[in-house]
Amino acid sequence: MTPNLHSRRLPALLAAAILLPALPGAPVQAQQDSGPPLPVEITSDRAEMDERQGLGTYTGDVIVIRGEMTLEADKVYVRTRDRRPYEMEAHGEPARLESPDPETGEMRIATALQIDYLLNEDRMILTDQAHVITASEEARGKRITYDLNTDVIEAERGEGDGERVRITIQPREDE
């Protein structure tokens, strides 16, 4: 009996589809308005990629790097269209995203139990124990929407949540 060529290739193709996005320098691109697409590098303990659904699931000490942005979480879902990531959903205790301010170079840090990062818009939605620190302010709330391009932070408290939004504005240093 002649072995089916397709049945021998399927495991190799499946392994490549799962591992390719996790390899350093893999050609997975994300669109960005301000320039050419940036590669997205993902490392994790486990990866599963469903090409038909356009969904990658990465678990265990996940680190995502896109340009100068770094996202660390316990679990990350990456949604893609035509192998181009457009959204990441990160879960952690907490998940943490760091990104330098393009104008000042100062590091911006965002943490929450869930971070939804909309790559095409360069916008984050942080949910549960949301916390954002920038050079000029610090915000805490149940839910924070943070536009990385405009540096606009919108913070909300949860329904029936006794914890109010807290904002700290850092005084400007005179030179």
C-alpha atoms as a PDB file:
ATOM      1  CA  MET A   1       0.000   0.000   0.000  1.00  0.00           C
ATOM      2  CA  THR A   2       1.394   3.410  -0.980  1.00  0.00           C
ATOM      3  CA  PRO A   3       1.369   5.932   1.880  1.00  0.00           C
ATOM      4  CA  ASN A   4      -0.721   9.029   1.300  1.00  0.00           C
ATOM      5  CA  LEU A   5       1.651  11.967   0.740  1.00  0.00           C
ATOM      6  CA  HIS A   6      -0.837  14.411   2.262  1.00  0.00           C
ATOM      7  CA  SER A   7      -1.220  12.396   5.478  1.00  0.00           C
ATOM      8  CA  ARG A   8       2.567  12.442   6.005  1.00  0.00           C
ATOM      9  CA  ARG A   9       2.773  16.216   5.418  1.00  0.00           C
ATOM     10  CA  LEU A  10      -0.145  17.155   7.658  1.00  0.00           C
ATOM     11  CA  PRO A  11       1.677  16.800  11.021  1.00  0.00           C
ATOM     12  CA  ALA A  12       4.640  18.804   9.736  1.00  0.00           C
ATOM     13  CA  LEU A  13       2.395  21.533   8.324  1.00  0.00           C
ATOM     14  CA  LEU A  14       0.364  21.656  11.533  1.00  0.00           C
ATOM     15  CA  ALA A  15       3.519  21.947  13.637  1.00  0.00           C
ATOM     16  CA  ALA A  16       4.812  24.731  11.385  1.00  0.00           C
ATOM     17  CA  ALA A  17       1.502  26.623  11.610  1.00  0.00           C
ATOM     18  CA  ILE A  18       1.604  26.417  15.407  1.00  0.00           C
ATOM     19  CA  LEU A  19       5.274  27.255  15.877  1.00  0.00           C
ATOM     20  CA  LEU A  20       5.894  29.821  13.128  1.00  0.00           C
ATOM     21  CA  PRO A  21       4.310  32.778  14.968  1.00  0.00           C
ATOM     22  CA  ALA A  22       6.323  31.909  18.081  1.00  0.00           C
ATOM     23  CA  LEU A  23       9.701  31.896  16.345  1.00  0.00           C
ATOM     24  CA  PRO A  24      11.921  34.974  16.613  1.00  0.00           C
ATOM     25  CA  GLY A  25      11.828  37.009  13.456  1.00  0.00           C
ATOM     26  CA  ALA A  26       8.857  35.088  12.020  1.00  0.00           C
ATOM     27  CA  PRO A  27       7.213  37.058   9.215  1.00  0.00           C
ATOM     28  CA  VAL A  28       3.996  37.786  11.081  1.00  0.00           C
ATOM     29  CA  GLN A  29       3.196  41.428  10.459  1.00  0.00           C
ATOM     30  CA  ALA A  30       0.895  43.921  12.167  1.00  0.00           C
ATOM     31  CA  GLN A  31      -0.304  47.056  10.468  1.00  0.00           C
ATOM     32  CA  GLN A  32       0.659  50.371  11.978  1.00  0.00           C
ATOM     33  CA  ASP A  33      -0.503  53.766  10.709  1.00  0.00           C
ATOM     34  CA  SER A  34       2.797  55.557  11.303  1.00  0.00           C
ATOM     35  CA  GLY A  35       5.060  53.348   9.230  1.00  0.00           C
ATOM     36  CA  PRO A  36       5.714  49.924   7.799  1.00  0.00           C
ATOM     37  CA  PRO A  37       4.202  46.861   9.494  1.00  0.00           C
ATOM     38  CA  LEU A  38       6.101  45.649  12.536  1.00  0.00           C
ATOM     39  CA  PRO A  39       6.775  41.964  13.205  1.00  0.00           C
ATOM     40  CA  VAL A  40       5.163  40.404  16.258  1.00  0.00           C
ATOM     41  CA  GLU A  41       7.420  37.966  18.148  1.00  0.00           C
ATOM     42  CA  ILE A  42       5.741  35.623  20.633  1.00  0.00           C
ATOM     43  CA  THR A  43       7.404  33.219  23.050  1.00  0.00           C
ATOM     44  CA  SER A  44       5.451  30.931  25.361  1.00  0.00           C
ATOM     45  CA  ASP A  45       5.420  27.471  26.916  1.00  0.00           C
ATOM     46  CA  ARG A  46       2.650  26.330  24.568  1.00  0.00           C
ATOM     47  CA  ALA A  47       1.173  27.598  21.293  1.00  0.00           C
ATOM     48  CA  GLU A  48      -1.870  26.597  19.275  1.00  0.00           C
ATOM     49  CA  MET A  49      -2.781  28.249  15.973  1.00  0.00           C
ATOM     50  CA  ASP A  50      -6.097  27.841  14.181  1.00  0.00           C
ATOM     51  CA  GLU A  51      -5.452  29.345  10.722  1.00  0.00           C
ATOM     52  CA  ARG A  52      -9.069  29.007   9.589  1.00  0.00           C
ATOM     53  CA  GLN A  53     -10.370  30.892  12.613  1.00  0.00           C
ATOM     54  CA  GLY A  54      -7.416  33.290  12.624  1.00  0.00           C
ATOM     55  CA  LEU A  55      -6.792  32.621  16.303  1.00  0.00           C
ATOM     56  CA  GLY A  56      -3.536  31.840  18.066  1.00  0.00           C
ATOM     57  CA  THR A  57      -3.574  30.805  21.732  1.00  0.00           C
ATOM     58  CA  TYR A  58      -0.332  31.120  23.702  1.00  0.00           C
ATOM     59  CA  THR A  59      -0.039  29.962  27.311  1.00  0.00           C
ATOM     60  CA  GLY A  60       2.613  29.886  30.008  1.00  0.00           C
ATOM     61  CA  ASP A  61       4.927  32.856  30.607  1.00  0.00           C
ATOM     62  CA  VAL A  62       3.895  34.533  27.352  1.00  0.00           C
ATOM     63  CA  ILE A  63       6.053  37.396  26.084  1.00  0.00           C
ATOM     64  CA  VAL A  64       4.946  39.380  23.044  1.00  0.00           C
ATOM     65  CA  ILE A  65       7.298  41.913  21.440  1.00  0.00           C
ATOM     66  CA  ARG A  66       6.187  44.339  18.728  1.00  0.00           C
ATOM     67  CA  GLY A  67       8.689  47.070  17.985  1.00  0.00           C
ATOM     68  CA  GLU A  68       9.535  48.575  21.376  1.00  0.00           C
ATOM     69  CA  MET A  69       6.303  47.312  22.998  1.00  0.00           C
ATOM     70  CA  THR A  70       6.486  44.315  25.350  1.00  0.00           C
ATOM     71  CA  LEU A  71       3.457  42.416  26.671  1.00  0.00           C
ATOM     72  CA  GLU A  72       3.798  39.798  29.414  1.00  0.00           C
ATOM     73  CA  ALA A  73       0.912  37.540  30.451  1.00  0.00           C
ATOM     74  CA  ASP A  74      -0.112  34.057  31.508  1.00  0.00           C
ATOM     75  CA  LYS A  75      -2.281  33.562  28.407  1.00  0.00           C
ATOM     76  CA  VAL A  76      -2.575  35.556  25.172  1.00  0.00           C
ATOM     77  CA  TYR A  77      -5.046  35.175  22.316  1.00  0.00           C
ATOM     78  CA  VAL A  78      -3.885  36.694  19.008  1.00  0.00           C
ATOM     79  CA  ARG A  79      -6.522  37.331  16.355  1.00  0.00           C
ATOM     80  CA  THR A  80      -5.303  37.561  12.754  1.00  0.00           C
ATOM     81  CA  ARG A  81      -6.631  38.321   9.274  1.00  0.00           C
ATOM     82  CA  ASP A  82      -4.490  37.102   6.379  1.00  0.00           C
ATOM     83  CA  ARG A  83      -1.763  36.213   8.930  1.00  0.00           C
ATOM     84  CA  ARG A  84      -1.677  39.817  10.164  1.00  0.00           C
ATOM     85  CA  PRO A  85      -2.384  40.277  13.881  1.00  0.00           C
ATOM     86  CA  TYR A  86      -4.963  42.939  14.616  1.00  0.00           C
ATOM     87  CA  GLU A  87      -5.939  42.209  18.231  1.00  0.00           C
ATOM     88  CA  MET A  88      -4.389  40.620  21.304  1.00  0.00           C
ATOM     89  CA  GLU A  89      -6.258  39.619  24.441  1.00  0.00           C
ATOM     90  CA  ALA A  90      -3.940  39.039  27.401  1.00  0.00           C
ATOM     91  CA  HIS A  91      -4.805  37.534  30.788  1.00  0.00           C
ATOM     92  CA  GLY A  92      -2.544  37.522  33.818  1.00  0.00           C
ATOM     93  CA  GLU A  93      -2.165  38.138  37.516  1.00  0.00           C
ATOM     94  CA  PRO A  94      -1.742  40.839  36.238  1.00  0.00           C
ATOM     95  CA  ALA A  95      -0.903  41.086  32.543  1.00  0.00           C
ATOM     96  CA  ARG A  96       1.638  43.871  31.864  1.00  0.00           C
ATOM     97  CA  LEU A  97       2.302  45.994  28.789  1.00  0.00           C
ATOM     98  CA  GLU A  98       5.255  48.379  28.482  1.00  0.00           C
ATOM     99  CA  SER A  99       5.715  50.849  25.653  1.00  0.00           C
ATOM    100  CA  PRO A 100       7.912  53.943  25.365  1.00  0.00           C
ATOM    101  CA  ASP A 101       6.276  57.281  24.628  1.00  0.00           C
ATOM    102  CA  PRO A 102       7.270  58.082  21.027  1.00  0.00           C
ATOM    103  CA  GLU A 103       7.884  61.762  21.857  1.00  0.00           C
ATOM    104  CA  THR A 104       9.722  61.545  25.178  1.00  0.00           C
ATOM    105  CA  GLY A 105      11.011  57.970  25.287  1.00  0.00           C
ATOM    106  CA  GLU A 106       9.599  57.682  28.830  1.00  0.00           C
ATOM    107  CA  MET A 107       8.294  54.185  29.544  1.00  0.00           C
ATOM    108  CA  ARG A 108       4.508  53.790  29.833  1.00  0.00           C
ATOM    109  CA  ILE A 109       3.321  50.822  31.892  1.00  0.00           C
ATOM    110  CA  ALA A 110      -0.168  49.309  31.858  1.00  0.00           C
ATOM    111  CA  THR A 111      -1.334  46.404  34.023  1.00  0.00           C
ATOM    112  CA  ALA A 112      -4.694  44.646  34.442  1.00  0.00           C
ATOM    113  CA  LEU A 113      -6.140  41.181  34.811  1.00  0.00           C
ATOM    114  CA  GLN A 114      -7.184  41.496  31.145  1.00  0.00           C
ATOM    115  CA  ILE A 115      -5.619  43.692  28.455  1.00  0.00           C
ATOM    116  CA  ASP A 116      -7.196  43.954  25.022  1.00  0.00           C
ATOM    117  CA  TYR A 117      -4.689  45.534  22.645  1.00  0.00           C
ATOM    118  CA  LEU A 118      -6.082  46.743  19.304  1.00  0.00           C
ATOM    119  CA  LEU A 119      -2.925  46.827  17.200  1.00  0.00           C
ATOM    120  CA  ASN A 120      -4.279  48.738  14.188  1.00  0.00           C
ATOM    121  CA  GLU A 121      -5.545  51.514  16.484  1.00  0.00           C
ATOM    122  CA  ASP A 122      -2.651  51.336  18.983  1.00  0.00           C
ATOM    123  CA  ARG A 123      -5.281  51.357  21.738  1.00  0.00           C
ATOM    124  CA  MET A 124      -5.664  49.266  24.884  1.00  0.00           C
ATOM    125  CA  ILE A 125      -8.679  48.391  26.985  1.00  0.00           C
ATOM    126  CA  LEU A 126      -7.648  47.305  30.472  1.00  0.00           C
ATOM    127  CA  THR A 127     -10.219  45.495  32.607  1.00  0.00           C
ATOM    128  CA  ASP A 128     -10.143  44.569  36.309  1.00  0.00           C
ATOM    129  CA  GLN A 129      -7.462  46.102  38.516  1.00  0.00           C
ATOM    130  CA  ALA A 130      -6.552  48.416  35.636  1.00  0.00           C
ATOM    131  CA  HIS A 131      -3.509  50.621  36.226  1.00  0.00           C
ATOM    132  CA  VAL A 132      -1.629  52.926  33.842  1.00  0.00           C
ATOM    133  CA  ILE A 133       1.567  54.823  34.649  1.00  0.00           C
ATOM    134  CA  THR A 134       2.993  57.488  32.345  1.00  0.00           C
ATOM    135  CA  ALA A 135       5.616  60.179  32.937  1.00  0.00           C
ATOM    136  CA  SER A 136       2.894  62.730  33.680  1.00  0.00           C
ATOM    137  CA  GLU A 137       0.111  60.739  35.354  1.00  0.00           C
ATOM    138  CA  GLU A 138      -1.047  57.556  36.974  1.00  0.00           C
ATOM    139  CA  ALA A 139      -4.585  56.147  36.661  1.00  0.00           C
ATOM    140  CA  ARG A 140      -6.410  53.320  38.432  1.00  0.00           C
ATOM    141  CA  GLY A 141      -9.888  51.994  37.835  1.00  0.00           C
ATOM    142  CA  LYS A 142     -12.052  49.010  37.028  1.00  0.00           C
ATOM    143  CA  ARG A 143     -11.703  49.732  33.288  1.00  0.00           C
ATOM    144  CA  ILE A 144      -9.250  51.993  31.474  1.00  0.00           C
ATOM    145  CA  THR A 145      -9.125  52.773  27.774  1.00  0.00           C
ATOM    146  CA  TYR A 146      -5.706  54.072  26.751  1.00  0.00           C
ATOM    147  CA  ASP A 147      -4.870  55.446  23.306  1.00  0.00           C
ATOM    148  CA  LEU A 148      -1.108  55.088  22.886  1.00  0.00           C
ATOM    149  CA  ASN A 149      -1.003  57.471  19.890  1.00  0.00           C
ATOM    150  CA  THR A 150      -2.746  60.406  21.551  1.00  0.00           C
ATOM    151  CA  ASP A 151      -1.782  59.496  25.142  1.00  0.00           C
ATOM    152  CA  VAL A 152      -5.453  59.840  26.172  1.00  0.00           C
ATOM    153  CA  ILE A 153      -6.562  57.837  29.216  1.00  0.00           C
ATOM    154  CA  GLU A 154     -10.237  57.222  30.056  1.00  0.00           C
ATOM    155  CA  ALA A 155     -10.839  55.518  33.410  1.00  0.00           C
ATOM    156  CA  GLU A 156     -14.103  54.116  34.808  1.00  0.00           C
ATOM    157  CA  ARG A 157     -15.213  52.435  37.976  1.00  0.00           C
ATOM    158  CA  GLY A 158     -17.327  49.304  37.829  1.00  0.00           C
ATOM    159  CA  GLU A 159     -21.087  49.156  38.290  1.00  0.00           C
ATOM    160  CA  GLY A 160     -21.802  48.918  42.000  1.00  0.00           C
ATOM    161  CA  ASP A 161     -18.075  49.115  42.640  1.00  0.00           C
ATOM    162  CA  GLY A 162     -17.232  51.088  45.771  1.00  0.00           C
ATOM    163  CA  GLU A 163     -13.738  51.789  44.465  1.00  0.00           C
ATOM    164  CA  ARG A 164     -13.574  55.099  42.650  1.00  0.00           C
ATOM    165  CA  VAL A 165     -11.239  56.049  39.817  1.00  0.00           C
ATOM    166  CA  ARG A 166      -7.913  57.422  41.077  1.00  0.00           C
ATOM    167  CA  ILE A 167      -5.724  59.773  39.046  1.00  0.00           C
ATOM    168  CA  THR A 168      -2.398  61.220  40.147  1.00  0.00           C
ATOM    169  CA  ILE A 169      -0.946  64.073  38.089  1.00  0.00           C
ATOM    170  CA  GLN A 170       2.782  64.486  38.431  1.00  0.00           C
ATOM    171  CA  PRO A 171       3.996  68.092  38.789  1.00  0.00           C
ATOM    172  CA  ARG A 172       6.070  69.361  35.922  1.00  0.00           C
ATOM    173  CA  GLU A 173       9.744  69.744  36.624  1.00  0.00           C
ATOM    174  CA  ASP A 174      11.054  73.228  35.858  1.00  0.00           C
ATOM    175  CA  GLU A 175      14.337  73.214  34.006  1.00  0.00           C
END
